[in-house]
Amino acid sequence: MASYVQYFNDILATFNNLPNKLLNVVATINEPLRSLTHTLIVTNVLLGLLFLTSLVNIYMLWRYGKK
């Protein structure tokens, strides 16, 4: 009977440790995501500039192509 009680206590201890383990995992994942967020912002700005340049080039081709 004592082994069952110990087994049940071990299960409860495991469940009590789960939130701490999950928080550690989230904290470990969150740190690289911060630098990735800055990289994604810079990438989106550069892609936006590329798109704007493409629109200007299309306009220039259309404008000077009519003549």
N, C-alpha and C. Protein backbone atom coordinates (compact mmCIF):
# COMPACT_ATOMS: atom_id res chain seq x y z
N MET A 1 0.82 -1.20 0.00
CA MET A 1 0.00 0.00 0.00
C MET A 1 0.87 1.26 0.00
N ALA A 2 1.99 1.19 0.72
CA ALA A 2 2.86 2.36 0.80
C ALA A 2 3.45 2.70 -0.56
N SER A 3 3.71 1.69 -1.39
CA SER A 3 4.27 1.96 -2.71
C SER A 3 3.26 2.70 -3.59
N TYR A 4 1.97 2.38 -3.45
CA TYR A 4 0.94 3.08 -4.20
C TYR A 4 0.84 4.54 -3.77
N VAL A 5 0.95 4.77 -2.47
CA VAL A 5 0.91 6.15 -1.96
C VAL A 5 2.11 6.93 -2.48
N GLN A 6 3.27 6.30 -2.47
CA GLN A 6 4.48 6.96 -2.98
C GLN A 6 4.35 7.23 -4.48
N TYR A 7 3.80 6.27 -5.21
CA TYR A 7 3.58 6.44 -6.65
C TYR A 7 2.64 7.61 -6.91
N PHE A 8 1.56 7.70 -6.14
CA PHE A 8 0.59 8.78 -6.29
C PHE A 8 1.24 10.13 -5.95
N ASN A 9 2.06 10.15 -4.91
CA ASN A 9 2.77 11.38 -4.54
C ASN A 9 3.75 11.80 -5.64
N ASP A 10 4.41 10.83 -6.26
CA ASP A 10 5.33 11.15 -7.36
C ASP A 10 4.58 11.74 -8.55
N ILE A 11 3.41 11.18 -8.83
CA ILE A 11 2.59 11.72 -9.94
C ILE A 11 2.17 13.15 -9.64
N LEU A 12 1.73 13.40 -8.41
CA LEU A 12 1.33 14.76 -8.03
C LEU A 12 2.52 15.73 -8.10
N ALA A 13 3.68 15.28 -7.68
CA ALA A 13 4.87 16.13 -7.74
C ALA A 13 5.23 16.45 -9.19
N THR A 14 5.05 15.47 -10.06
CA THR A 14 5.32 15.69 -11.48
C THR A 14 4.37 16.73 -12.06
N PHE A 15 3.08 16.61 -11.71
CA PHE A 15 2.10 17.59 -12.18
C PHE A 15 2.39 18.98 -11.62
N ASN A 16 2.88 19.04 -10.40
CA ASN A 16 3.21 20.34 -9.81
C ASN A 16 4.44 20.96 -10.47
N ASN A 17 5.34 20.15 -11.00
CA ASN A 17 6.54 20.67 -11.66
C ASN A 17 6.31 21.04 -13.12
N LEU A 18 5.20 20.58 -13.70
CA LEU A 18 4.96 20.85 -15.12
C LEU A 18 4.92 22.35 -15.46
N PRO A 19 4.21 23.19 -14.70
CA PRO A 19 4.20 24.61 -15.07
C PRO A 19 5.59 25.24 -15.07
N ASN A 20 6.42 24.87 -14.10
CA ASN A 20 7.78 25.42 -14.07
C ASN A 20 8.58 24.98 -15.28
N LYS A 21 8.43 23.71 -15.66
CA LYS A 21 9.15 23.21 -16.83
C LYS A 21 8.66 23.90 -18.11
N LEU A 22 7.34 24.10 -18.20
CA LEU A 22 6.79 24.78 -19.38
C LEU A 22 7.26 26.23 -19.44
N LEU A 23 7.33 26.89 -18.30
CA LEU A 23 7.83 28.27 -18.28
C LEU A 23 9.29 28.34 -18.71
N ASN A 24 10.08 27.37 -18.31
CA ASN A 24 11.48 27.33 -18.75
C ASN A 24 11.58 27.14 -20.25
N VAL A 25 10.72 26.27 -20.80
CA VAL A 25 10.73 26.04 -22.25
C VAL A 25 10.33 27.32 -22.98
N VAL A 26 9.27 27.98 -22.49
CA VAL A 26 8.81 29.21 -23.14
C VAL A 26 9.88 30.30 -23.05
N ALA A 27 10.54 30.41 -21.92
CA ALA A 27 11.61 31.41 -21.77
C ALA A 27 12.77 31.10 -22.71
N THR A 28 13.08 29.84 -22.88
CA THR A 28 14.16 29.45 -23.78
C THR A 28 13.81 29.76 -25.23
N ILE A 29 12.55 29.55 -25.60
CA ILE A 29 12.11 29.83 -26.96
C ILE A 29 11.98 31.34 -27.19
N ASN A 30 11.58 32.08 -26.17
CA ASN A 30 11.28 33.50 -26.33
C ASN A 30 12.52 34.32 -26.63
N GLU A 31 13.66 33.96 -26.11
CA GLU A 31 14.88 34.75 -26.31
C GLU A 31 15.30 34.83 -27.78
N PRO A 32 15.38 33.71 -28.51
CA PRO A 32 15.71 33.84 -29.94
C PRO A 32 14.62 34.53 -30.74
N LEU A 33 13.36 34.44 -30.28
CA LEU A 33 12.27 35.07 -31.02
C LEU A 33 12.38 36.59 -31.00
N ARG A 34 12.95 37.14 -29.93
CA ARG A 34 13.12 38.60 -29.88
C ARG A 34 14.04 39.07 -30.99
N SER A 35 15.17 38.41 -31.15
CA SER A 35 16.08 38.81 -32.22
C SER A 35 15.47 38.49 -33.59
N LEU A 36 14.70 37.41 -33.67
CA LEU A 36 14.04 37.07 -34.92
C LEU A 36 13.00 38.12 -35.28
N THR A 37 12.33 38.69 -34.28
CA THR A 37 11.34 39.73 -34.53
C THR A 37 11.99 40.94 -35.17
N HIS A 38 13.16 41.35 -34.65
CA HIS A 38 13.86 42.49 -35.25
C HIS A 38 14.29 42.17 -36.67
N THR A 39 14.74 40.96 -36.90
CA THR A 39 15.14 40.56 -38.24
C THR A 39 13.95 40.58 -39.19
N LEU A 40 12.79 40.12 -38.72
CA LEU A 40 11.60 40.12 -39.57
C LEU A 40 11.14 41.53 -39.88
N ILE A 41 11.26 42.45 -38.93
CA ILE A 41 10.88 43.84 -39.18
C ILE A 41 11.77 44.43 -40.27
N VAL A 42 13.07 44.22 -40.16
CA VAL A 42 14.01 44.74 -41.16
C VAL A 42 13.73 44.11 -42.52
N THR A 43 13.46 42.81 -42.53
CA THR A 43 13.16 42.12 -43.79
C THR A 43 11.89 42.66 -44.43
N ASN A 44 10.86 42.91 -43.62
CA ASN A 44 9.62 43.45 -44.16
C ASN A 44 9.81 44.86 -44.71
N VAL A 45 10.62 45.67 -44.05
CA VAL A 45 10.90 47.01 -44.57
C VAL A 45 11.63 46.92 -45.91
N LEU A 46 12.61 46.04 -46.00
CA LEU A 46 13.35 45.89 -47.26
C LEU A 46 12.46 45.35 -48.37
N LEU A 47 11.58 44.41 -48.05
CA LEU A 47 10.65 43.91 -49.06
C LEU A 47 9.67 44.99 -49.50
N GLY A 48 9.25 45.83 -48.57
CA GLY A 48 8.37 46.95 -48.92
C GLY A 48 9.06 47.92 -49.86
N LEU A 49 10.34 48.21 -49.60
CA LEU A 49 11.10 49.09 -50.50
C LEU A 49 11.28 48.46 -51.87
N LEU A 50 11.51 47.15 -51.90
CA LEU A 50 11.64 46.45 -53.18
C LEU A 50 10.33 46.52 -53.97
N PHE A 51 9.21 46.34 -53.29
CA PHE A 51 7.90 46.41 -53.95
C PHE A 51 7.65 47.83 -54.48
N LEU A 52 7.99 48.84 -53.67
CA LEU A 52 7.81 50.22 -54.10
C LEU A 52 8.68 50.53 -55.32
N THR A 53 9.91 50.05 -55.31
CA THR A 53 10.80 50.25 -56.45
C THR A 53 10.24 49.56 -57.70
N SER A 54 9.66 48.39 -57.52
CA SER A 54 9.07 47.67 -58.66
C SER A 54 7.90 48.45 -59.24
N LEU A 55 7.06 49.01 -58.36
CA LEU A 55 5.93 49.81 -58.85
C LEU A 55 6.42 51.05 -59.62
N VAL A 56 7.45 51.70 -59.11
CA VAL A 56 7.99 52.88 -59.80
C VAL A 56 8.56 52.48 -61.15
N ASN A 57 9.25 51.35 -61.21
CA ASN A 57 9.80 50.89 -62.49
C ASN A 57 8.69 50.57 -63.49
N ILE A 58 7.62 49.95 -63.03
CA ILE A 58 6.49 49.64 -63.93
C ILE A 58 5.86 50.94 -64.43
N TYR A 59 5.71 51.92 -63.54
CA TYR A 59 5.14 53.21 -63.94
C TYR A 59 6.03 53.89 -64.98
N MET A 60 7.34 53.87 -64.75
CA MET A 60 8.25 54.50 -65.70
C MET A 60 8.21 53.80 -67.06
N LEU A 61 8.16 52.47 -67.06
CA LEU A 61 8.05 51.74 -68.33
C LEU A 61 6.74 52.08 -69.03
N TRP A 62 5.65 52.19 -68.29
CA TRP A 62 4.35 52.51 -68.88
C TRP A 62 4.35 53.94 -69.41
N ARG A 63 4.93 54.86 -68.64
CA ARG A 63 4.92 56.28 -69.01
C ARG A 63 5.74 56.53 -70.27
N TYR A 64 6.95 55.97 -70.31
CA TYR A 64 7.81 56.21 -71.46
C TYR A 64 7.54 55.23 -72.60
N GLY A 65 6.78 54.20 -72.35
CA GLY A 65 6.44 53.25 -73.40
C GLY A 65 5.30 53.73 -74.27
N LYS A 66 4.52 54.71 -73.79
CA LYS A 66 3.38 55.22 -74.56
C LYS A 66 3.84 56.06 -75.75
N LYS A 67 5.01 56.65 -75.67
CA LYS A 67 5.47 57.59 -76.72
C LYS A 67 5.83 56.91 -78.00
